[in-house]
Amino acid sequence: MGVLNNDHGAARDIVILNAGAALYAANVADSLTAGLQLARTAIESGAAKAKLAQLVQATNA
């Protein structure tokens, strides 16, 4: 959960790179740079952690 708590380090960097590339590949972002920024913002704002909590709640219902 360190990455989703916005703990800086290599793991966070790898997650941002992977998620950013996925957002770009899925045409959610216009460029890899934009995808990286979207991923970074999702982690820093807590949106990624909140989305995971929603998924956990939905699958445990």
Protein backbone atom coordinates (compact mmCIF):
# COMPACT_ATOMS: atom_id res chain seq x y z
CA MET A 1 0.00 0.00 0.00
CA GLY A 2 3.04 2.28 0.09
CA VAL A 3 2.54 3.41 -3.49
CA LEU A 4 -1.12 4.21 -2.92
CA ASN A 5 -0.12 6.14 0.20
CA ASN A 6 2.10 8.21 -2.11
CA ASP A 7 5.31 6.93 -0.54
CA HIS A 8 8.07 8.09 -2.88
CA GLY A 9 10.56 5.61 -4.23
CA ALA A 10 11.28 3.17 -7.02
CA ALA A 11 8.01 1.25 -6.60
CA ARG A 12 5.97 4.45 -7.02
CA ASP A 13 8.00 5.43 -10.07
CA ILE A 14 7.43 2.03 -11.68
CA VAL A 15 3.69 2.12 -10.98
CA ILE A 16 3.41 5.63 -12.47
CA LEU A 17 5.35 4.57 -15.57
CA ASN A 18 3.26 1.43 -16.04
CA ALA A 19 -0.08 3.17 -15.42
CA GLY A 20 0.89 6.13 -17.57
CA ALA A 21 1.81 3.87 -20.47
CA ALA A 22 -1.46 1.96 -20.06
CA LEU A 23 -3.44 5.22 -20.11
CA TYR A 24 -1.64 6.26 -23.28
CA ALA A 25 -2.11 2.84 -24.93
CA ALA A 26 -5.82 2.95 -24.09
CA ASN A 27 -6.13 6.41 -25.70
CA VAL A 28 -7.12 7.97 -22.38
CA ALA A 29 -4.09 10.27 -22.62
CA ASP A 30 -2.86 12.02 -25.76
CA SER A 31 0.80 11.30 -25.01
CA LEU A 32 2.95 9.24 -22.72
CA THR A 33 3.80 12.41 -20.81
CA ALA A 34 0.11 13.16 -20.31
CA GLY A 35 -0.48 9.56 -19.19
CA LEU A 36 2.32 9.84 -16.63
CA GLN A 37 0.80 13.05 -15.28
CA LEU A 38 -2.66 11.47 -15.01
CA ALA A 39 -1.21 8.49 -13.14
CA ARG A 40 0.85 10.70 -10.85
CA THR A 41 -2.16 12.90 -10.08
CA ALA A 42 -4.34 9.86 -9.32
CA ILE A 43 -1.83 8.64 -6.75
CA GLU A 44 -1.07 12.03 -5.21
CA SER A 45 -4.75 12.99 -4.89
CA GLY A 46 -5.77 9.69 -3.31
CA ALA A 47 -8.08 8.85 -6.25
CA ALA A 48 -6.23 5.61 -7.02
CA LYS A 49 -6.49 4.43 -3.42
CA ALA A 50 -10.19 5.35 -3.31
CA LYS A 51 -10.85 3.43 -6.53
CA LEU A 52 -9.14 0.35 -5.09
CA ALA A 53 -11.32 0.63 -1.96
CA GLN A 54 -14.43 0.78 -4.18
CA LEU A 55 -13.31 -2.34 -6.06
CA VAL A 56 -12.65 -4.20 -2.82
CA GLN A 57 -16.05 -3.21 -1.44
CA ALA A 58 -17.85 -4.22 -4.64
CA THR A 59 -16.18 -7.62 -4.80
CA ASN A 60 -16.80 -8.36 -1.14
CA ALA A 61 -20.50 -7.46 -1.28
